[in-house]
Amino acid sequence: AEKIREEIGQRLRSGDRVFIYFDEKLG
C-alpha cells in the first residue's frame, strides 16, 4: 500500500523507529 510507504517516510523524518517483519504468510 502506497499510503503505508508514505507513512513510513513521515515517521522516519519525525524520529520514530520503524520496523517491518517477514514470515511465511506476511511477506
mmCIF file of all heavy atoms, coordinates in Angstrom:
data_MODEL
# 
_entry.id   MODEL 
# 
loop_
_atom_site.group_PDB 
_atom_site.id 
_atom_site.type_symbol 
_atom_site.label_atom_id 
_atom_site.label_alt_id 
_atom_site.label_comp_id 
_atom_site.label_asym_id 
_atom_site.label_entity_id 
_atom_site.label_seq_id 
_atom_site.pdbx_PDB_ins_code 
_atom_site.Cartn_x 
_atom_site.Cartn_y 
_atom_site.Cartn_z 
_atom_site.occupancy 
_atom_site.B_iso_or_equiv 
_atom_site.pdbx_formal_charge 
_atom_site.auth_seq_id 
_atom_site.auth_comp_id 
_atom_site.auth_asym_id 
_atom_site.auth_atom_id 
_atom_site.pdbx_PDB_model_num 
ATOM 1   N N   . ALA A 1 1  ? 0.844  -1.206  0.000  1.00 0.00 ? 1  ALA A N   1 
ATOM 2   C CA  . ALA A 1 1  ? 0.000  0.000   0.000  1.00 0.00 ? 1  ALA A CA  1 
ATOM 3   C C   . ALA A 1 1  ? 0.876  1.252   0.000  1.00 0.00 ? 1  ALA A C   1 
ATOM 4   O O   . ALA A 1 1  ? 1.738  1.422   0.868  1.00 0.00 ? 1  ALA A O   1 
ATOM 5   C CB  . ALA A 1 1  ? -0.909 0.002   1.219  1.00 0.00 ? 1  ALA A CB  1 
ATOM 6   N N   . GLU A 1 2  ? 0.651  2.125   -0.961 1.00 0.00 ? 2  GLU A N   1 
ATOM 7   C CA  . GLU A 1 2  ? 1.461  3.345   -1.079 1.00 0.00 ? 2  GLU A CA  1 
ATOM 8   C C   . GLU A 1 2  ? 1.341  4.218   0.172  1.00 0.00 ? 2  GLU A C   1 
ATOM 9   O O   . GLU A 1 2  ? 2.325  4.823   0.609  1.00 0.00 ? 2  GLU A O   1 
ATOM 10  C CB  . GLU A 1 2  ? 1.038  4.143   -2.312 1.00 0.00 ? 2  GLU A CB  1 
ATOM 11  C CG  . GLU A 1 2  ? 1.904  5.365   -2.558 1.00 0.00 ? 2  GLU A CG  1 
ATOM 12  C CD  . GLU A 1 2  ? 1.522  6.103   -3.832 1.00 0.00 ? 2  GLU A CD  1 
ATOM 13  O OE1 . GLU A 1 2  ? 0.668  5.572   -4.581 1.00 0.00 ? 2  GLU A OE1 1 
ATOM 14  O OE2 . GLU A 1 2  ? 2.068  7.195   -4.064 1.00 0.00 ? 2  GLU A OE2 1 
ATOM 15  N N   . LYS A 1 3  ? 0.144  4.262   0.760  1.00 0.00 ? 3  LYS A N   1 
ATOM 16  C CA  . LYS A 1 3  ? -0.037 5.113   1.947  1.00 0.00 ? 3  LYS A CA  1 
ATOM 17  C C   . LYS A 1 3  ? 0.801  4.622   3.124  1.00 0.00 ? 3  LYS A C   1 
ATOM 18  O O   . LYS A 1 3  ? 1.246  5.434   3.952  1.00 0.00 ? 3  LYS A O   1 
ATOM 19  C CB  . LYS A 1 3  ? -1.511 5.189   2.333  1.00 0.00 ? 3  LYS A CB  1 
ATOM 20  C CG  . LYS A 1 3  ? -2.127 3.891   2.800  1.00 0.00 ? 3  LYS A CG  1 
ATOM 21  C CD  . LYS A 1 3  ? -3.570 4.099   3.227  1.00 0.00 ? 3  LYS A CD  1 
ATOM 22  C CE  . LYS A 1 3  ? -4.197 2.809   3.763  1.00 0.00 ? 3  LYS A CE  1 
ATOM 23  N NZ  . LYS A 1 3  ? -5.608 3.032   4.197  1.00 0.00 ? 3  LYS A NZ  1 
ATOM 24  N N   . ILE A 1 4  ? 1.040  3.323   3.194  1.00 0.00 ? 4  ILE A N   1 
ATOM 25  C CA  . ILE A 1 4  ? 1.893  2.778   4.255  1.00 0.00 ? 4  ILE A CA  1 
ATOM 26  C C   . ILE A 1 4  ? 3.337  3.193   4.021  1.00 0.00 ? 4  ILE A C   1 
ATOM 27  O O   . ILE A 1 4  ? 4.046  3.596   4.956  1.00 0.00 ? 4  ILE A O   1 
ATOM 28  C CB  . ILE A 1 4  ? 1.784  1.241   4.316  1.00 0.00 ? 4  ILE A CB  1 
ATOM 29  C CG1 . ILE A 1 4  ? 0.365  0.817   4.742  1.00 0.00 ? 4  ILE A CG1 1 
ATOM 30  C CG2 . ILE A 1 4  ? 2.818  0.660   5.269  1.00 0.00 ? 4  ILE A CG2 1 
ATOM 31  C CD1 . ILE A 1 4  ? -0.002 1.225   6.154  1.00 0.00 ? 4  ILE A CD1 1 
ATOM 32  N N   . ARG A 1 5  ? 3.782  3.145   2.765  1.00 0.00 ? 5  ARG A N   1 
ATOM 33  C CA  . ARG A 1 5  ? 5.152  3.557   2.451  1.00 0.00 ? 5  ARG A CA  1 
ATOM 34  C C   . ARG A 1 5  ? 5.342  5.047   2.747  1.00 0.00 ? 5  ARG A C   1 
ATOM 35  O O   . ARG A 1 5  ? 6.394  5.460   3.249  1.00 0.00 ? 5  ARG A O   1 
ATOM 36  C CB  . ARG A 1 5  ? 5.470  3.241   0.990  1.00 0.00 ? 5  ARG A CB  1 
ATOM 37  C CG  . ARG A 1 5  ? 5.360  1.743   0.653  1.00 0.00 ? 5  ARG A CG  1 
ATOM 38  C CD  . ARG A 1 5  ? 6.031  1.422   -0.663 1.00 0.00 ? 5  ARG A CD  1 
ATOM 39  N NE  . ARG A 1 5  ? 5.391  2.081   -1.794 1.00 0.00 ? 5  ARG A NE  1 
ATOM 40  C CZ  . ARG A 1 5  ? 4.399  1.562   -2.514 1.00 0.00 ? 5  ARG A CZ  1 
ATOM 41  N NH1 . ARG A 1 5  ? 3.920  0.359   -2.189 1.00 0.00 ? 5  ARG A NH1 1 
ATOM 42  N NH2 . ARG A 1 5  ? 3.886  2.200   -3.542 1.00 0.00 ? 5  ARG A NH2 1 
ATOM 43  N N   . GLU A 1 6  ? 4.317  5.834   2.455  1.00 0.00 ? 6  GLU A N   1 
ATOM 44  C CA  . GLU A 1 6  ? 4.400  7.268   2.750  1.00 0.00 ? 6  GLU A CA  1 
ATOM 45  C C   . GLU A 1 6  ? 4.442  7.501   4.256  1.00 0.00 ? 6  GLU A C   1 
ATOM 46  O O   . GLU A 1 6  ? 5.187  8.373   4.743  1.00 0.00 ? 6  GLU A O   1 
ATOM 47  C CB  . GLU A 1 6  ? 3.207  7.996   2.131  1.00 0.00 ? 6  GLU A CB  1 
ATOM 48  C CG  . GLU A 1 6  ? 3.237  8.036   0.607  1.00 0.00 ? 6  GLU A CG  1 
ATOM 49  C CD  . GLU A 1 6  ? 1.967  8.659   0.029  1.00 0.00 ? 6  GLU A CD  1 
ATOM 50  O OE1 . GLU A 1 6  ? 1.021  8.893   0.809  1.00 0.00 ? 6  GLU A OE1 1 
ATOM 51  O OE2 . GLU A 1 6  ? 1.938  8.894   -1.202 1.00 0.00 ? 6  GLU A OE2 1 
ATOM 52  N N   . GLU A 1 7  ? 3.651  6.719   4.994  1.00 0.00 ? 7  GLU A N   1 
ATOM 53  C CA  . GLU A 1 7  ? 3.643  6.872   6.450  1.00 0.00 ? 7  GLU A CA  1 
ATOM 54  C C   . GLU A 1 7  ? 4.999  6.518   7.051  1.00 0.00 ? 7  GLU A C   1 
ATOM 55  O O   . GLU A 1 7  ? 5.459  7.169   7.999  1.00 0.00 ? 7  GLU A O   1 
ATOM 56  C CB  . GLU A 1 7  ? 2.554  5.996   7.078  1.00 0.00 ? 7  GLU A CB  1 
ATOM 57  C CG  . GLU A 1 7  ? 2.462  6.161   8.590  1.00 0.00 ? 7  GLU A CG  1 
ATOM 58  C CD  . GLU A 1 7  ? 1.338  5.366   9.214  1.00 0.00 ? 7  GLU A CD  1 
ATOM 59  O OE1 . GLU A 1 7  ? 0.600  4.679   8.480  1.00 0.00 ? 7  GLU A OE1 1 
ATOM 60  O OE2 . GLU A 1 7  ? 1.206  5.445   10.454 1.00 0.00 ? 7  GLU A OE2 1 
ATOM 61  N N   . ILE A 1 8  ? 5.656  5.514   6.494  1.00 0.00 ? 8  ILE A N   1 
ATOM 62  C CA  . ILE A 1 8  ? 6.987  5.137   6.982  1.00 0.00 ? 8  ILE A CA  1 
ATOM 63  C C   . ILE A 1 8  ? 7.959  6.299   6.822  1.00 0.00 ? 8  ILE A C   1 
ATOM 64  O O   . ILE A 1 8  ? 8.730  6.620   7.736  1.00 0.00 ? 8  ILE A O   1 
ATOM 65  C CB  . ILE A 1 8  ? 7.501  3.887   6.241  1.00 0.00 ? 8  ILE A CB  1 
ATOM 66  C CG1 . ILE A 1 8  ? 6.735  2.654   6.716  1.00 0.00 ? 8  ILE A CG1 1 
ATOM 67  C CG2 . ILE A 1 8  ? 9.006  3.698   6.443  1.00 0.00 ? 8  ILE A CG2 1 
ATOM 68  C CD1 . ILE A 1 8  ? 7.075  1.382   5.977  1.00 0.00 ? 8  ILE A CD1 1 
ATOM 69  N N   . GLY A 1 9  ? 7.936  6.945   5.651  1.00 0.00 ? 9  GLY A N   1 
ATOM 70  C CA  . GLY A 1 9  ? 8.805  8.092   5.424  1.00 0.00 ? 9  GLY A CA  1 
ATOM 71  C C   . GLY A 1 9  ? 8.529  9.214   6.421  1.00 0.00 ? 9  GLY A C   1 
ATOM 72  O O   . GLY A 1 9  ? 9.462  9.819   6.970  1.00 0.00 ? 9  GLY A O   1 
ATOM 73  N N   . GLN A 1 10 ? 7.265  9.483   6.675  1.00 0.00 ? 10 GLN A N   1 
ATOM 74  C CA  . GLN A 1 10 ? 6.892  10.539  7.625  1.00 0.00 ? 10 GLN A CA  1 
ATOM 75  C C   . GLN A 1 10 ? 7.364  10.201  9.033  1.00 0.00 ? 10 GLN A C   1 
ATOM 76  O O   . GLN A 1 10 ? 7.882  11.060  9.759  1.00 0.00 ? 10 GLN A O   1 
ATOM 77  C CB  . GLN A 1 10 ? 5.378  10.735  7.605  1.00 0.00 ? 10 GLN A CB  1 
ATOM 78  C CG  . GLN A 1 10 ? 4.847  11.305  6.293  1.00 0.00 ? 10 GLN A CG  1 
ATOM 79  C CD  . GLN A 1 10 ? 3.325  11.270  6.225  1.00 0.00 ? 10 GLN A CD  1 
ATOM 80  O OE1 . GLN A 1 10 ? 2.650  10.814  7.140  1.00 0.00 ? 10 GLN A OE1 1 
ATOM 81  N NE2 . GLN A 1 10 ? 2.768  11.748  5.105  1.00 0.00 ? 10 GLN A NE2 1 
ATOM 82  N N   . ARG A 1 11 ? 7.188  8.954   9.424  1.00 0.00 ? 11 ARG A N   1 
ATOM 83  C CA  . ARG A 1 11 ? 7.601  8.542   10.771 1.00 0.00 ? 11 ARG A CA  1 
ATOM 84  C C   . ARG A 1 11 ? 9.115  8.617   10.932 1.00 0.00 ? 11 ARG A C   1 
ATOM 85  O O   . ARG A 1 11 ? 9.623  9.021   11.979 1.00 0.00 ? 11 ARG A O   1 
ATOM 86  C CB  . ARG A 1 11 ? 7.096  7.121   11.058 1.00 0.00 ? 11 ARG A CB  1 
ATOM 87  C CG  . ARG A 1 11 ? 5.598  7.054   11.351 1.00 0.00 ? 11 ARG A CG  1 
ATOM 88  C CD  . ARG A 1 11 ? 5.168  5.630   11.611 1.00 0.00 ? 11 ARG A CD  1 
ATOM 89  N NE  . ARG A 1 11 ? 3.774  5.539   12.025 1.00 0.00 ? 11 ARG A NE  1 
ATOM 90  C CZ  . ARG A 1 11 ? 3.343  5.595   13.283 1.00 0.00 ? 11 ARG A CZ  1 
ATOM 91  N NH1 . ARG A 1 11 ? 4.236  5.759   14.269 1.00 0.00 ? 11 ARG A NH1 1 
ATOM 92  N NH2 . ARG A 1 11 ? 2.067  5.495   13.581 1.00 0.00 ? 11 ARG A NH2 1 
ATOM 93  N N   . LEU A 1 12 ? 9.847  8.198   9.909  1.00 0.00 ? 12 LEU A N   1 
ATOM 94  C CA  . LEU A 1 12 ? 11.302 8.281   9.985  1.00 0.00 ? 12 LEU A CA  1 
ATOM 95  C C   . LEU A 1 12 ? 11.778 9.717   10.121 1.00 0.00 ? 12 LEU A C   1 
ATOM 96  O O   . LEU A 1 12 ? 12.681 10.025  10.903 1.00 0.00 ? 12 LEU A O   1 
ATOM 97  C CB  . LEU A 1 12 ? 11.929 7.630   8.742  1.00 0.00 ? 12 LEU A CB  1 
ATOM 98  C CG  . LEU A 1 12 ? 11.839 6.103   8.656  1.00 0.00 ? 12 LEU A CG  1 
ATOM 99  C CD1 . LEU A 1 12 ? 12.309 5.626   7.288  1.00 0.00 ? 12 LEU A CD1 1 
ATOM 100 C CD2 . LEU A 1 12 ? 12.670 5.454   9.756  1.00 0.00 ? 12 LEU A CD2 1 
ATOM 101 N N   . ARG A 1 13 ? 11.152 10.614  9.367  1.00 0.00 ? 13 ARG A N   1 
ATOM 102 C CA  . ARG A 1 13 ? 11.534 12.037  9.452  1.00 0.00 ? 13 ARG A CA  1 
ATOM 103 C C   . ARG A 1 13 ? 11.167 12.646  10.802 1.00 0.00 ? 13 ARG A C   1 
ATOM 104 O O   . ARG A 1 13 ? 11.773 13.625  11.241 1.00 0.00 ? 13 ARG A O   1 
ATOM 105 C CB  . ARG A 1 13 ? 10.878 12.819  8.311  1.00 0.00 ? 13 ARG A CB  1 
ATOM 106 C CG  . ARG A 1 13 ? 11.502 12.528  6.934  1.00 0.00 ? 13 ARG A CG  1 
ATOM 107 C CD  . ARG A 1 13 ? 10.965 13.446  5.852  1.00 0.00 ? 13 ARG A CD  1 
ATOM 108 N NE  . ARG A 1 13 ? 9.577  13.135  5.520  1.00 0.00 ? 13 ARG A NE  1 
ATOM 109 C CZ  . ARG A 1 13 ? 9.214  12.234  4.602  1.00 0.00 ? 13 ARG A CZ  1 
ATOM 110 N NH1 . ARG A 1 13 ? 10.148 11.528  3.971  1.00 0.00 ? 13 ARG A NH1 1 
ATOM 111 N NH2 . ARG A 1 13 ? 7.939  12.021  4.335  1.00 0.00 ? 13 ARG A NH2 1 
ATOM 112 N N   . SER A 1 14 ? 10.195 12.027  11.485 1.00 0.00 ? 14 SER A N   1 
ATOM 113 C CA  . SER A 1 14 ? 9.796  12.510  12.810 1.00 0.00 ? 14 SER A CA  1 
ATOM 114 C C   . SER A 1 14 ? 10.650 11.906  13.922 1.00 0.00 ? 14 SER A C   1 
ATOM 115 O O   . SER A 1 14 ? 10.469 12.243  15.096 1.00 0.00 ? 14 SER A O   1 
ATOM 116 C CB  . SER A 1 14 ? 8.321  12.162  13.072 1.00 0.00 ? 14 SER A CB  1 
ATOM 117 O OG  . SER A 1 14 ? 7.489  12.797  12.129 1.00 0.00 ? 14 SER A OG  1 
ATOM 118 N N   . GLY A 1 15 ? 11.554 11.010  13.555 1.00 0.00 ? 15 GLY A N   1 
ATOM 119 C CA  . GLY A 1 15 ? 12.445 10.407  14.546 1.00 0.00 ? 15 GLY A CA  1 
ATOM 120 C C   . GLY A 1 15 ? 11.959 9.089   15.118 1.00 0.00 ? 15 GLY A C   1 
ATOM 121 O O   . GLY A 1 15 ? 12.565 8.561   16.058 1.00 0.00 ? 15 GLY A O   1 
ATOM 122 N N   . ASP A 1 16 ? 10.881 8.530   14.574 1.00 0.00 ? 16 ASP A N   1 
ATOM 123 C CA  . ASP A 1 16 ? 10.381 7.238   15.055 1.00 0.00 ? 16 ASP A CA  1 
ATOM 124 C C   . ASP A 1 16 ? 11.290 6.107   14.575 1.00 0.00 ? 16 ASP A C   1 
ATOM 125 O O   . ASP A 1 16 ? 11.971 6.231   13.551 1.00 0.00 ? 16 ASP A O   1 
ATOM 126 C CB  . ASP A 1 16 ? 8.966  6.972   14.540 1.00 0.00 ? 16 ASP A CB  1 
ATOM 127 C CG  . ASP A 1 16 ? 7.941  7.940   15.096 1.00 0.00 ? 16 ASP A CG  1 
ATOM 128 O OD1 . ASP A 1 16 ? 8.314  8.762   15.970 1.00 0.00 ? 16 ASP A OD1 1 
ATOM 129 O OD2 . ASP A 1 16 ? 6.778  7.875   14.663 1.00 0.00 ? 16 ASP A OD2 1 
ATOM 130 N N   . ARG A 1 17 ? 11.297 5.017   15.333 1.00 0.00 ? 17 ARG A N   1 
ATOM 131 C CA  . ARG A 1 17 ? 11.974 3.804   14.872 1.00 0.00 ? 17 ARG A CA  1 
ATOM 132 C C   . ARG A 1 17 ? 10.954 2.986   14.089 1.00 0.00 ? 17 ARG A C   1 
ATOM 133 O O   . ARG A 1 17 ? 9.818  2.781   14.543 1.00 0.00 ? 17 ARG A O   1 
ATOM 134 C CB  . ARG A 1 17 ? 12.508 2.991   16.050 1.00 0.00 ? 17 ARG A CB  1 
ATOM 135 C CG  . ARG A 1 17 ? 13.515 3.733   16.929 1.00 0.00 ? 17 ARG A CG  1 
ATOM 136 C CD  . ARG A 1 17 ? 14.840 3.968   16.217 1.00 0.00 ? 17 ARG A CD  1 
ATOM 137 N NE  . ARG A 1 17 ? 15.614 2.757   16.050 1.00 0.00 ? 17 ARG A NE  1 
ATOM 138 C CZ  . ARG A 1 17 ? 16.567 2.356   16.915 1.00 0.00 ? 17 ARG A CZ  1 
ATOM 139 N NH1 . ARG A 1 17 ? 16.811 3.058   18.006 1.00 0.00 ? 17 ARG A NH1 1 
ATOM 140 N NH2 . ARG A 1 17 ? 17.267 1.257   16.673 1.00 0.00 ? 17 ARG A NH2 1 
ATOM 141 N N   . VAL A 1 18 ? 11.341 2.486   12.920 1.00 0.00 ? 18 VAL A N   1 
ATOM 142 C CA  . VAL A 1 18 ? 10.429 1.777   12.038 1.00 0.00 ? 18 VAL A CA  1 
ATOM 143 C C   . VAL A 1 18 ? 10.980 0.387   11.730 1.00 0.00 ? 18 VAL A C   1 
ATOM 144 O O   . VAL A 1 18 ? 12.152 0.235   11.386 1.00 0.00 ? 18 VAL A O   1 
ATOM 145 C CB  . VAL A 1 18 ? 10.199 2.554   10.725 1.00 0.00 ? 18 VAL A CB  1 
ATOM 146 C CG1 . VAL A 1 18 ? 9.345  1.746   9.762  1.00 0.00 ? 18 VAL A CG1 1 
ATOM 147 C CG2 . VAL A 1 18 ? 9.560  3.905   11.009 1.00 0.00 ? 18 VAL A CG2 1 
ATOM 148 N N   . PHE A 1 19 ? 10.102 -0.618  11.849 1.00 0.00 ? 19 PHE A N   1 
ATOM 149 C CA  . PHE A 1 19 ? 10.496 -1.999  11.599 1.00 0.00 ? 19 PHE A CA  1 
ATOM 150 C C   . PHE A 1 19 ? 9.417  -2.699  10.776 1.00 0.00 ? 19 PHE A C   1 
ATOM 151 O O   . PHE A 1 19 ? 8.224  -2.470  10.979 1.00 0.00 ? 19 PHE A O   1 
ATOM 152 C CB  . PHE A 1 19 ? 10.681 -2.756  12.920 1.00 0.00 ? 19 PHE A CB  1 
ATOM 153 C CG  . PHE A 1 19 ? 11.743 -2.167  13.807 1.00 0.00 ? 19 PHE A CG  1 
ATOM 154 C CD1 . PHE A 1 19 ? 11.429 -1.142  14.693 1.00 0.00 ? 19 PHE A CD1 1 
ATOM 155 C CD2 . PHE A 1 19 ? 13.048 -2.620  13.755 1.00 0.00 ? 19 PHE A CD2 1 
ATOM 156 C CE1 . PHE A 1 19 ? 12.395 -0.585  15.511 1.00 0.00 ? 19 PHE A CE1 1 
ATOM 157 C CE2 . PHE A 1 19 ? 14.030 -2.060  14.562 1.00 0.00 ? 19 PHE A CE2 1 
ATOM 158 C CZ  . PHE A 1 19 ? 13.699 -1.044  15.447 1.00 0.00 ? 19 PHE A CZ  1 
ATOM 159 N N   . ILE A 1 20 ? 9.861  -3.540  9.871  1.00 0.00 ? 20 ILE A N   1 
ATOM 160 C CA  . ILE A 1 20 ? 8.933  -4.405  9.141  1.00 0.00 ? 20 ILE A CA  1 
ATOM 161 C C   . ILE A 1 20 ? 9.332  -5.844  9.441  1.00 0.00 ? 20 ILE A C   1 
ATOM 162 O O   . ILE A 1 20 ? 10.500 -6.123  9.741  1.00 0.00 ? 20 ILE A O   1 
ATOM 163 C CB  . ILE A 1 20 ? 8.960  -4.146  7.620  1.00 0.00 ? 20 ILE A CB  1 
ATOM 164 C CG1 . ILE A 1 20 ? 10.355 -4.400  7.038  1.00 0.00 ? 20 ILE A CG1 1 
ATOM 165 C CG2 . ILE A 1 20 ? 8.517  -2.726  7.307  1.00 0.00 ? 20 ILE A CG2 1 
ATOM 166 C CD1 . ILE A 1 20 ? 10.417 -4.330  5.525  1.00 0.00 ? 20 ILE A CD1 1 
ATOM 167 N N   . TYR A 1 21 ? 8.359  -6.741  9.403  1.00 0.00 ? 21 TYR A N   1 
ATOM 168 C CA  . TYR A 1 21 ? 8.703  -8.135  9.666  1.00 0.00 ? 21 TYR A CA  1 
ATOM 169 C C   . TYR A 1 21 ? 8.122  -9.045  8.595  1.00 0.00 ? 21 TYR A C   1 
ATOM 170 O O   . TYR A 1 21 ? 7.054  -8.793  8.034  1.00 0.00 ? 21 TYR A O   1 
ATOM 171 C CB  . TYR A 1 21 ? 8.282  -8.575  11.068 1.00 0.00 ? 21 TYR A CB  1 
ATOM 172 C CG  . TYR A 1 21 ? 6.799  -8.551  11.366 1.00 0.00 ? 21 TYR A CG  1 
ATOM 173 C CD1 . TYR A 1 21 ? 6.005  -9.684  11.169 1.00 0.00 ? 21 TYR A CD1 1 
ATOM 174 C CD2 . TYR A 1 21 ? 6.193  -7.410  11.906 1.00 0.00 ? 21 TYR A CD2 1 
ATOM 175 C CE1 . TYR A 1 21 ? 4.656  -9.677  11.477 1.00 0.00 ? 21 TYR A CE1 1 
ATOM 176 C CE2 . TYR A 1 21 ? 4.839  -7.395  12.219 1.00 0.00 ? 21 TYR A CE2 1 
ATOM 177 C CZ  . TYR A 1 21 ? 4.082  -8.535  12.005 1.00 0.00 ? 21 TYR A CZ  1 
ATOM 178 O OH  . TYR A 1 21 ? 2.737  -8.528  12.305 1.00 0.00 ? 21 TYR A OH  1 
ATOM 179 N N   . PHE A 1 22 ? 8.896  -10.098 8.307  1.00 0.00 ? 22 PHE A N   1 
ATOM 180 C CA  . PHE A 1 22 ? 8.532  -11.094 7.304  1.00 0.00 ? 22 PHE A CA  1 
ATOM 181 C C   . PHE A 1 22 ? 8.251  -12.423 7.992  1.00 0.00 ? 22 PHE A C   1 
ATOM 182 O O   . PHE A 1 22 ? 8.934  -12.802 8.942  1.00 0.00 ? 22 PHE A O   1 
ATOM 183 C CB  . PHE A 1 22 ? 9.691  -11.320 6.326  1.00 0.00 ? 22 PHE A CB  1 
ATOM 184 C CG  . PHE A 1 22 ? 9.982  -10.167 5.420  1.00 0.00 ? 22 PHE A CG  1 
ATOM 185 C CD1 . PHE A 1 22 ? 10.755 -9.100  5.861  1.00 0.00 ? 22 PHE A CD1 1 
ATOM 186 C CD2 . PHE A 1 22 ? 9.513  -10.148 4.113  1.00 0.00 ? 22 PHE A CD2 1 
ATOM 187 C CE1 . PHE A 1 22 ? 11.046 -8.039  5.026  1.00 0.00 ? 22 PHE A CE1 1 
ATOM 188 C CE2 . PHE A 1 22 ? 9.796  -9.087  3.262  1.00 0.00 ? 22 PHE A CE2 1 
ATOM 189 C CZ  . PHE A 1 22 ? 10.565 -8.024  3.722  1.00 0.00 ? 22 PHE A CZ  1 
ATOM 190 N N   . ASP A 1 23 ? 7.244  -13.108 7.505  1.00 0.00 ? 23 ASP A N   1 
ATOM 191 C CA  . ASP A 1 23 ? 7.049  -14.510 7.863  1.00 0.00 ? 23 ASP A CA  1 
ATOM 192 C C   . ASP A 1 23 ? 6.329  -15.161 6.692  1.00 0.00 ? 23 ASP A C   1 
ATOM 193 O O   . ASP A 1 23 ? 6.009  -14.503 5.707  1.00 0.00 ? 23 ASP A O   1 
ATOM 194 C CB  . ASP A 1 23 ? 6.310  -14.631 9.214  1.00 0.00 ? 23 ASP A CB  1 
ATOM 195 C CG  . ASP A 1 23 ? 4.890  -15.113 9.074  1.00 0.00 ? 23 ASP A CG  1 
ATOM 196 O OD1 . ASP A 1 23 ? 4.150  -14.520 8.272  1.00 0.00 ? 23 ASP A OD1 1 
ATOM 197 O OD2 . ASP A 1 23 ? 4.515  -16.080 9.753  1.00 0.00 ? 23 ASP A OD2 1 
ATOM 198 N N   . GLU A 1 24 ? 6.078  -16.445 6.789  1.00 0.00 ? 24 GLU A N   1 
ATOM 199 C CA  . GLU A 1 24 ? 5.556  -17.196 5.641  1.00 0.00 ? 24 GLU A CA  1 
ATOM 200 C C   . GLU A 1 24 ? 4.305  -16.584 5.030  1.00 0.00 ? 24 GLU A C   1 
ATOM 201 O O   . GLU A 1 24 ? 4.157  -16.537 3.800  1.00 0.00 ? 24 GLU A O   1 
ATOM 202 C CB  . GLU A 1 24 ? 5.260  -18.642 6.075  1.00 0.00 ? 24 GLU A CB  1 
ATOM 203 C CG  . GLU A 1 24 ? 4.838  -19.532 4.920  1.00 0.00 ? 24 GLU A CG  1 
ATOM 204 C CD  . GLU A 1 24 ? 4.560  -20.953 5.363  1.00 0.00 ? 24 GLU A CD  1 
ATOM 205 O OE1 . GLU A 1 24 ? 4.670  -21.214 6.584  1.00 0.00 ? 24 GLU A OE1 1 
ATOM 206 O OE2 . GLU A 1 24 ? 4.248  -21.797 4.514  1.00 0.00 ? 24 GLU A OE2 1 
ATOM 207 N N   . LYS A 1 25 ? 3.386  -16.087 5.858  1.00 0.00 ? 25 LYS A N   1 
ATOM 208 C CA  . LYS A 1 25 ? 2.124  -15.548 5.355  1.00 0.00 ? 25 LYS A CA  1 
ATOM 209 C C   . LYS A 1 25 ? 2.075  -14.021 5.363  1.00 0.00 ? 25 LYS A C   1 
ATOM 210 O O   . LYS A 1 25 ? 1.074  -13.436 4.955  1.00 0.00 ? 25 LYS A O   1 
ATOM 211 C CB  . LYS A 1 25 ? 0.958  -16.077 6.200  1.00 0.00 ? 25 LYS A CB  1 
ATOM 212 C CG  . LYS A 1 25 ? 0.848  -17.596 6.216  1.00 0.00 ? 25 LYS A CG  1 
ATOM 213 C CD  . LYS A 1 25 ? 0.572  -18.150 4.816  1.00 0.00 ? 25 LYS A CD  1 
ATOM 214 C CE  . LYS A 1 25 ? 0.457  -19.659 4.840  1.00 0.00 ? 25 LYS A CE  1 
ATOM 215 N NZ  . LYS A 1 25 ? 0.220  -20.229 3.488  1.00 0.00 ? 25 LYS A NZ  1 
ATOM 216 N N   . LEU A 1 26 ? 3.140  -13.380 5.795  1.00 0.00 ? 26 LEU A N   1 
ATOM 217 C CA  . LEU A 1 26 ? 3.122  -11.921 5.952  1.00 0.00 ? 26 LEU A CA  1 
ATOM 218 C C   . LEU A 1 26 ? 4.279  -11.253 5.218  1.00 0.00 ? 26 LEU A C   1 
ATOM 219 O O   . LEU A 1 26 ? 4.934  -10.365 5.727  1.00 0.00 ? 26 LEU A O   1 
ATOM 220 C CB  . LEU A 1 26 ? 3.164  -11.552 7.450  1.00 0.00 ? 26 LEU A CB  1 
ATOM 221 C CG  . LEU A 1 26 ? 1.976  -12.059 8.271  1.00 0.00 ? 26 LEU A CG  1 
ATOM 222 C CD1 . LEU A 1 26 ? 2.217  -11.823 9.758  1.00 0.00 ? 26 LEU A CD1 1 
ATOM 223 C CD2 . LEU A 1 26 ? 0.692  -11.376 7.823  1.00 0.00 ? 26 LEU A CD2 1 
ATOM 224 N N   . GLY A 1 27 ? 4.516  -11.712 4.014  1.00 0.00 ? 27 GLY A N   1 
ATOM 225 C CA  . GLY A 1 27 ? 5.588  -11.122 3.222  1.00 0.00 ? 27 GLY A CA  1 
ATOM 226 C C   . GLY A 1 27 ? 6.566  -12.145 2.705  1.00 0.00 ? 27 GLY A C   1 
ATOM 227 O O   . GLY A 1 27 ? 7.422  -11.841 1.868  1.00 0.00 ? 27 GLY A O   1 
# 
